[in-house]
């Protein structure tokens, strides 16, 4: 059984690899190795996730998809979740989630057929439930955010999302010194997309000057 780890963060300012240590420890504790890591910064509420589908395409029947939490895999609407689940089921991929203990039996390659079928049924129900909870949490947070924005707009205090000025300044300074993007990402704990935006802005500012 090949185990592939999927790591996701919602925005480019967040670290998609944050949970890597936890997944590595889980693998060590359960006696298996992670064959590959797939990390991306995309919303869990969208099916437009290239790395996730790259992972699925690489899997063979019986392989496992390892995630920290079910919400890393899905904050999808019901129709989209059913579409993704159908893809996973058709490829006969096992899902192992750190927040779903019943899925841990899937980490044992020696599980007999009856036990495997039993846990498949249990995990199917649990995954549906946790995916629904993740979607509700997403919708609740969006609703509260919109309510807060509306209230701030009514008071004339809303200015929109502001960039991390200190981090952007550090990135721009490192770019000016000729430091590689990879080193900048490591030093500032930002994504490649963030470095690209700062680089593009610096180039635009230079032209304007």
C-alpha atoms as a PDB file:
ATOM      1  CA  UNK A   1       0.000   0.000   0.000  1.00  0.00           C
ATOM      2  CA  UNK A   2       1.348   3.405  -1.016  1.00  0.00           C
ATOM      3  CA  UNK A   3       0.386   6.273   1.271  1.00  0.00           C
ATOM      4  CA  UNK A   4       0.265   9.768  -0.171  1.00  0.00           C
ATOM      5  CA  UNK A   5      -0.165  12.768   2.124  1.00  0.00           C
ATOM      6  CA  UNK A   6      -2.328  15.731   1.179  1.00  0.00           C
ATOM      7  CA  UNK A   7      -1.707  19.092   2.858  1.00  0.00           C
ATOM      8  CA  UNK A   8      -3.873  22.122   2.213  1.00  0.00           C
ATOM      9  CA  UNK A   9      -4.176  25.699   3.391  1.00  0.00           C
ATOM     10  CA  UNK A  10      -6.841  28.122   2.230  1.00  0.00           C
ATOM     11  CA  UNK A  11      -4.718  31.154   1.317  1.00  0.00           C
ATOM     12  CA  UNK A  12      -1.235  31.808  -0.015  1.00  0.00           C
ATOM     13  CA  UNK A  13      -0.324  33.530   3.256  1.00  0.00           C
ATOM     14  CA  UNK A  14      -0.913  30.291   5.194  1.00  0.00           C
ATOM     15  CA  UNK A  15       1.552  27.408   5.403  1.00  0.00           C
ATOM     16  CA  UNK A  16       0.126  24.356   3.648  1.00  0.00           C
ATOM     17  CA  UNK A  17       2.953  22.228   5.068  1.00  0.00           C
ATOM     18  CA  UNK A  18       2.076  23.083   8.669  1.00  0.00           C
ATOM     19  CA  UNK A  19       0.717  19.587   9.404  1.00  0.00           C
ATOM     20  CA  UNK A  20       3.609  17.674   7.822  1.00  0.00           C
ATOM     21  CA  UNK A  21       5.263  16.861  11.159  1.00  0.00           C
ATOM     22  CA  UNK A  22       2.001  15.500  12.577  1.00  0.00           C
ATOM     23  CA  UNK A  23       1.508  13.275   9.522  1.00  0.00           C
ATOM     24  CA  UNK A  24       5.106  12.043   9.705  1.00  0.00           C
ATOM     25  CA  UNK A  25       4.700  11.164  13.379  1.00  0.00           C
ATOM     26  CA  UNK A  26       1.453   9.331  12.662  1.00  0.00           C
ATOM     27  CA  UNK A  27       3.174   7.313   9.932  1.00  0.00           C
ATOM     28  CA  UNK A  28       6.055   6.436  12.267  1.00  0.00           C
ATOM     29  CA  UNK A  29       3.659   5.420  15.053  1.00  0.00           C
ATOM     30  CA  UNK A  30       1.732   3.143  12.693  1.00  0.00           C
ATOM     31  CA  UNK A  31       4.743   1.612  10.971  1.00  0.00           C
ATOM     32  CA  UNK A  32       4.451   2.888   7.420  1.00  0.00           C
ATOM     33  CA  UNK A  33       6.192   5.428   5.206  1.00  0.00           C
ATOM     34  CA  UNK A  34       4.661   8.289   3.276  1.00  0.00           C
ATOM     35  CA  UNK A  35       5.505   7.836  -0.397  1.00  0.00           C
ATOM     36  CA  UNK A  36       4.783  11.419  -1.493  1.00  0.00           C
ATOM     37  CA  UNK A  37       3.472  14.762  -0.267  1.00  0.00           C
ATOM     38  CA  UNK A  38       1.058  16.989  -2.178  1.00  0.00           C
ATOM     39  CA  UNK A  39       0.633  20.504  -0.787  1.00  0.00           C
ATOM     40  CA  UNK A  40      -1.363  23.435  -2.122  1.00  0.00           C
ATOM     41  CA  UNK A  41      -2.950  26.684  -1.100  1.00  0.00           C
ATOM     42  CA  UNK A  42      -6.545  26.413  -2.273  1.00  0.00           C
ATOM     43  CA  UNK A  43      -9.937  26.673  -0.624  1.00  0.00           C
ATOM     44  CA  UNK A  44     -11.438  23.437   0.643  1.00  0.00           C
ATOM     45  CA  UNK A  45     -14.778  24.780  -0.564  1.00  0.00           C
ATOM     46  CA  UNK A  46     -13.636  24.438  -4.186  1.00  0.00           C
ATOM     47  CA  UNK A  47     -13.024  21.402  -6.387  1.00  0.00           C
ATOM     48  CA  UNK A  48     -10.404  23.380  -8.322  1.00  0.00           C
ATOM     49  CA  UNK A  49      -7.434  21.825  -6.532  1.00  0.00           C
ATOM     50  CA  UNK A  50      -4.731  20.655  -8.979  1.00  0.00           C
ATOM     51  CA  UNK A  51      -2.520  18.953  -6.392  1.00  0.00           C
ATOM     52  CA  UNK A  52      -5.382  16.927  -4.936  1.00  0.00           C
ATOM     53  CA  UNK A  53      -6.339  15.586  -8.348  1.00  0.00           C
ATOM     54  CA  UNK A  54      -2.680  14.997  -9.187  1.00  0.00           C
ATOM     55  CA  UNK A  55      -2.531  12.822  -6.052  1.00  0.00           C
ATOM     56  CA  UNK A  56      -5.700  10.941  -6.998  1.00  0.00           C
ATOM     57  CA  UNK A  57      -4.421  10.319 -10.519  1.00  0.00           C
ATOM     58  CA  UNK A  58      -1.193   8.826  -9.129  1.00  0.00           C
ATOM     59  CA  UNK A  59      -3.003   6.376  -6.829  1.00  0.00           C
ATOM     60  CA  UNK A  60      -3.518   2.699  -7.570  1.00  0.00           C
ATOM     61  CA  UNK A  61      -6.376   0.626  -6.077  1.00  0.00           C
ATOM     62  CA  UNK A  62      -5.696   0.056  -2.378  1.00  0.00           C
ATOM     63  CA  UNK A  63      -3.456   3.101  -1.973  1.00  0.00           C
ATOM     64  CA  UNK A  64      -4.184   5.534   0.855  1.00  0.00           C
ATOM     65  CA  UNK A  65      -4.753   9.266   1.054  1.00  0.00           C
ATOM     66  CA  UNK A  66      -3.465  10.622   4.390  1.00  0.00           C
ATOM     67  CA  UNK A  67      -4.815  13.908   5.775  1.00  0.00           C
ATOM     68  CA  UNK A  68      -4.620  15.706   9.089  1.00  0.00           C
ATOM     69  CA  UNK A  69      -8.339  16.463   9.245  1.00  0.00           C
ATOM     70  CA  UNK A  70     -11.323  15.742   7.027  1.00  0.00           C
ATOM     71  CA  UNK A  71     -11.767  19.481   6.458  1.00  0.00           C
ATOM     72  CA  UNK A  72      -8.379  19.506   4.700  1.00  0.00           C
ATOM     73  CA  UNK A  73     -10.024  17.296   2.088  1.00  0.00           C
ATOM     74  CA  UNK A  74     -13.472  18.856   1.964  1.00  0.00           C
ATOM     75  CA  UNK A  75     -15.420  21.944   2.897  1.00  0.00           C
ATOM     76  CA  UNK A  76     -17.448  21.282  -0.219  1.00  0.00           C
ATOM     77  CA  UNK A  77     -21.139  21.631  -0.914  1.00  0.00           C
ATOM     78  CA  UNK A  78     -22.972  18.307  -0.876  1.00  0.00           C
ATOM     79  CA  UNK A  79     -22.987  17.865  -4.676  1.00  0.00           C
ATOM     80  CA  UNK A  80     -19.277  18.597  -5.005  1.00  0.00           C
ATOM     81  CA  UNK A  81     -18.446  16.353  -2.040  1.00  0.00           C
ATOM     82  CA  UNK A  82     -20.402  13.495  -3.620  1.00  0.00           C
ATOM     83  CA  UNK A  83     -18.504  14.088  -6.868  1.00  0.00           C
ATOM     84  CA  UNK A  84     -15.131  13.961  -5.102  1.00  0.00           C
ATOM     85  CA  UNK A  85     -16.116  10.959  -3.008  1.00  0.00           C
ATOM     86  CA  UNK A  86     -17.232   9.114  -6.148  1.00  0.00           C
ATOM     87  CA  UNK A  87     -13.828   9.771  -7.708  1.00  0.00           C
ATOM     88  CA  UNK A  88     -12.053   8.429  -4.635  1.00  0.00           C
ATOM     89  CA  UNK A  89     -14.343   5.394  -4.449  1.00  0.00           C
ATOM     90  CA  UNK A  90     -13.941   4.600  -8.156  1.00  0.00           C
ATOM     91  CA  UNK A  91     -10.158   4.595  -7.741  1.00  0.00           C
ATOM     92  CA  UNK A  92     -10.489   2.387  -4.614  1.00  0.00           C
ATOM     93  CA  UNK A  93      -8.439   4.798  -2.521  1.00  0.00           C
ATOM     94  CA  UNK A  94      -8.473   4.505   1.261  1.00  0.00           C
ATOM     95  CA  UNK A  95      -8.764   7.685   3.310  1.00  0.00           C
ATOM     96  CA  UNK A  96      -6.810   7.911   6.558  1.00  0.00           C
ATOM     97  CA  UNK A  97      -7.518  11.016   8.655  1.00  0.00           C
ATOM     98  CA  UNK A  98      -5.857  11.825  11.969  1.00  0.00           C
ATOM     99  CA  UNK A  99      -9.187  13.142  13.312  1.00  0.00           C
ATOM    100  CA  UNK A 100     -11.049   9.960  12.285  1.00  0.00           C
ATOM    101  CA  UNK A 101      -9.774   7.066  14.450  1.00  0.00           C
ATOM    102  CA  UNK A 102     -11.930   4.485  12.657  1.00  0.00           C
ATOM    103  CA  UNK A 103      -9.878   5.179   9.521  1.00  0.00           C
ATOM    104  CA  UNK A 104      -6.623   4.236  11.247  1.00  0.00           C
ATOM    105  CA  UNK A 105      -7.300   0.534  10.696  1.00  0.00           C
ATOM    106  CA  UNK A 106      -6.737   1.288   7.012  1.00  0.00           C
ATOM    107  CA  UNK A 107      -3.080   1.908   7.838  1.00  0.00           C
ATOM    108  CA  UNK A 108      -2.773  -1.808   8.573  1.00  0.00           C
ATOM    109  CA  UNK A 109      -2.143  -3.602   5.287  1.00  0.00           C
ATOM    110  CA  UNK A 110      -2.919  -6.960   6.952  1.00  0.00           C
ATOM    111  CA  UNK A 111      -6.533  -6.134   7.772  1.00  0.00           C
ATOM    112  CA  UNK A 112      -8.789  -9.045   6.763  1.00  0.00           C
ATOM    113  CA  UNK A 113     -11.590  -8.631   4.204  1.00  0.00           C
ATOM    114  CA  UNK A 114     -14.443  -8.580   6.722  1.00  0.00           C
ATOM    115  CA  UNK A 115     -12.742  -5.940   8.886  1.00  0.00           C
ATOM    116  CA  UNK A 116     -11.868  -3.885   5.818  1.00  0.00           C
ATOM    117  CA  UNK A 117     -15.476  -3.920   4.576  1.00  0.00           C
ATOM    118  CA  UNK A 118     -16.809  -3.071   8.020  1.00  0.00           C
ATOM    119  CA  UNK A 119     -14.493  -0.107   8.450  1.00  0.00           C
ATOM    120  CA  UNK A 120     -15.178   1.015   4.876  1.00  0.00           C
ATOM    121  CA  UNK A 121     -18.881   1.256   5.754  1.00  0.00           C
ATOM    122  CA  UNK A 122     -18.230   3.041   9.048  1.00  0.00           C
ATOM    123  CA  UNK A 123     -15.751   5.439   7.502  1.00  0.00           C
ATOM    124  CA  UNK A 124     -18.126   6.264   4.681  1.00  0.00           C
ATOM    125  CA  UNK A 125     -20.733   7.442   7.161  1.00  0.00           C
ATOM    126  CA  UNK A 126     -18.212   9.256   9.341  1.00  0.00           C
ATOM    127  CA  UNK A 127     -16.623  11.008   6.356  1.00  0.00           C
ATOM    128  CA  UNK A 128     -20.018  12.227   5.196  1.00  0.00           C
ATOM    129  CA  UNK A 129     -20.780  13.545   8.669  1.00  0.00           C
ATOM    130  CA  UNK A 130     -17.419  15.306   9.123  1.00  0.00           C
ATOM    131  CA  UNK A 131     -17.555  16.739   5.608  1.00  0.00           C
ATOM    132  CA  UNK A 132     -21.011  18.164   6.390  1.00  0.00           C
ATOM    133  CA  UNK A 133     -19.722  19.634   9.675  1.00  0.00           C
ATOM    134  CA  UNK A 134     -16.729  21.162   7.850  1.00  0.00           C
ATOM    135  CA  UNK A 135     -19.029  22.744   5.267  1.00  0.00           C
ATOM    136  CA  UNK A 136     -21.319  24.167   7.966  1.00  0.00           C
ATOM    137  CA  UNK A 137     -18.304  25.593   9.812  1.00  0.00           C
ATOM    138  CA  UNK A 138     -17.138  27.205   6.551  1.00  0.00           C
ATOM    139  CA  UNK A 139     -20.560  28.724   5.876  1.00  0.00           C
ATOM    140  CA  UNK A 140     -20.930  29.944   9.471  1.00  0.00           C
ATOM    141  CA  UNK A 141     -17.531  31.651   9.365  1.00  0.00           C
ATOM    142  CA  UNK A 142     -18.313  33.283   6.016  1.00  0.00           C
ATOM    143  CA  UNK A 143     -21.659  34.508   7.360  1.00  0.00           C
ATOM    144  CA  UNK A 144     -20.048  35.985  10.489  1.00  0.00           C
ATOM    145  CA  UNK A 145     -17.333  37.578   8.369  1.00  0.00           C
ATOM    146  CA  UNK A 146     -19.877  39.154   6.026  1.00  0.00           C
ATOM    147  CA  UNK A 147     -21.906  40.402   8.972  1.00  0.00           C
ATOM    148  CA  UNK A 148     -18.776  41.954  10.480  1.00  0.00           C
ATOM    149  CA  UNK A 149     -17.851  43.614   7.174  1.00  0.00           C
ATOM    150  CA  UNK A 150     -21.368  44.974   6.733  1.00  0.00           C
ATOM    151  CA  UNK A 151     -21.307  46.397  10.251  1.00  0.00           C
ATOM    152  CA  UNK A 152     -17.882  47.972   9.700  1.00  0.00           C
ATOM    153  CA  UNK A 153     -18.979  49.419   6.347  1.00  0.00           C
ATOM    154  CA  UNK A 154     -22.042  50.950   7.970  1.00  0.00           C
ATOM    155  CA  UNK A 155     -19.745  52.576  10.521  1.00  0.00           C
ATOM    156  CA  UNK A 156     -17.334  53.710   7.782  1.00  0.00           C
ATOM    157  CA  UNK A 157     -14.499  51.674   9.285  1.00  0.00           C
ATOM    158  CA  UNK A 158     -13.996  48.865   6.756  1.00  0.00           C
ATOM    159  CA  UNK A 159     -10.895  49.135   4.549  1.00  0.00           C
ATOM    160  CA  UNK A 160     -10.752  45.564   3.233  1.00  0.00           C
ATOM    161  CA  UNK A 161      -8.058  43.000   3.858  1.00  0.00           C
ATOM    162  CA  UNK A 162      -4.687  44.643   4.410  1.00  0.00           C
ATOM    163  CA  UNK A 163      -1.406  42.933   3.428  1.00  0.00           C
ATOM    164  CA  UNK A 164       1.240  42.031   5.996  1.00  0.00           C
ATOM    165  CA  UNK A 165       3.378  45.129   5.439  1.00  0.00           C
ATOM    166  CA  UNK A 166       6.366  43.963   7.498  1.00  0.00           C
ATOM    167  CA  UNK A 167       6.543  40.598   5.762  1.00  0.00           C
ATOM    168  CA  UNK A 168       6.179  42.192   2.326  1.00  0.00           C
ATOM    169  CA  UNK A 169       8.977  44.633   3.160  1.00  0.00           C
ATOM    170  CA  UNK A 170      11.238  41.765   4.250  1.00  0.00           C
ATOM    171  CA  UNK A 171      10.508  39.842   1.058  1.00  0.00           C
ATOM    172  CA  UNK A 172      11.208  42.885  -1.101  1.00  0.00           C
ATOM    173  CA  UNK A 173      14.499  43.517   0.721  1.00  0.00           C
ATOM    174  CA  UNK A 174      15.593  39.903   0.190  1.00  0.00           C
ATOM    175  CA  UNK A 175      14.642  40.081  -3.492  1.00  0.00           C
ATOM    176  CA  UNK A 176      16.723  43.231  -3.843  1.00  0.00           C
ATOM    177  CA  UNK A 177      19.711  41.365  -2.375  1.00  0.00           C
ATOM    178  CA  UNK A 178      19.299  38.620  -4.960  1.00  0.00           C
ATOM    179  CA  UNK A 179      18.209  35.919  -2.517  1.00  0.00           C
ATOM    180  CA  UNK A 180      16.484  32.997  -4.276  1.00  0.00           C
ATOM    181  CA  UNK A 181      12.711  32.625  -4.048  1.00  0.00           C
ATOM    182  CA  UNK A 182      13.142  29.277  -2.349  1.00  0.00           C
ATOM    183  CA  UNK A 183      15.308  30.782   0.396  1.00  0.00           C
ATOM    184  CA  UNK A 184      12.893  33.691   0.818  1.00  0.00           C
ATOM    185  CA  UNK A 185       9.962  31.290   1.207  1.00  0.00           C
ATOM    186  CA  UNK A 186      11.869  29.369   3.860  1.00  0.00           C
ATOM    187  CA  UNK A 187      13.019  32.491   5.728  1.00  0.00           C
ATOM    188  CA  UNK A 188       9.679  34.305   5.755  1.00  0.00           C
ATOM    189  CA  UNK A 189       7.398  31.233   5.866  1.00  0.00           C
ATOM    190  CA  UNK A 190       5.385  32.477   2.912  1.00  0.00           C
ATOM    191  CA  UNK A 191       4.168  30.844  -0.271  1.00  0.00           C
ATOM    192  CA  UNK A 192       5.644  31.160  -3.763  1.00  0.00           C
ATOM    193  CA  UNK A 193       2.529  33.105  -4.749  1.00  0.00           C
ATOM    194  CA  UNK A 194       3.266  35.756  -2.106  1.00  0.00           C
ATOM    195  CA  UNK A 195       6.873  36.157  -3.316  1.00  0.00           C
ATOM    196  CA  UNK A 196       5.591  36.445  -6.884  1.00  0.00           C
ATOM    197  CA  UNK A 197       3.147  39.207  -5.909  1.00  0.00           C
ATOM    198  CA  UNK A 198       5.834  41.176  -4.078  1.00  0.00           C
ATOM    199  CA  UNK A 199       8.237  40.740  -6.988  1.00  0.00           C
ATOM    200  CA  UNK A 200       5.593  41.896  -9.473  1.00  0.00           C
ATOM    201  CA  UNK A 201       4.716  44.930  -7.338  1.00  0.00           C
ATOM    202  CA  UNK A 202       8.392  45.866  -6.936  1.00  0.00           C
ATOM    203  CA  UNK A 203       8.859  45.612 -10.710  1.00  0.00           C
ATOM    204  CA  UNK A 204       5.765  47.742 -11.323  1.00  0.00           C
ATOM    205  CA  UNK A 205       6.903  50.350  -8.785  1.00  0.00           C
ATOM    206  CA  UNK A 206      10.347  50.464 -10.392  1.00  0.00           C
ATOM    207  CA  UNK A 207       8.800  51.127 -13.817  1.00  0.00           C
ATOM    208  CA  UNK A 208       6.545  53.829 -12.405  1.00  0.00           C
ATOM    209  CA  UNK A 209       9.545  55.530 -10.807  1.00  0.00           C
END
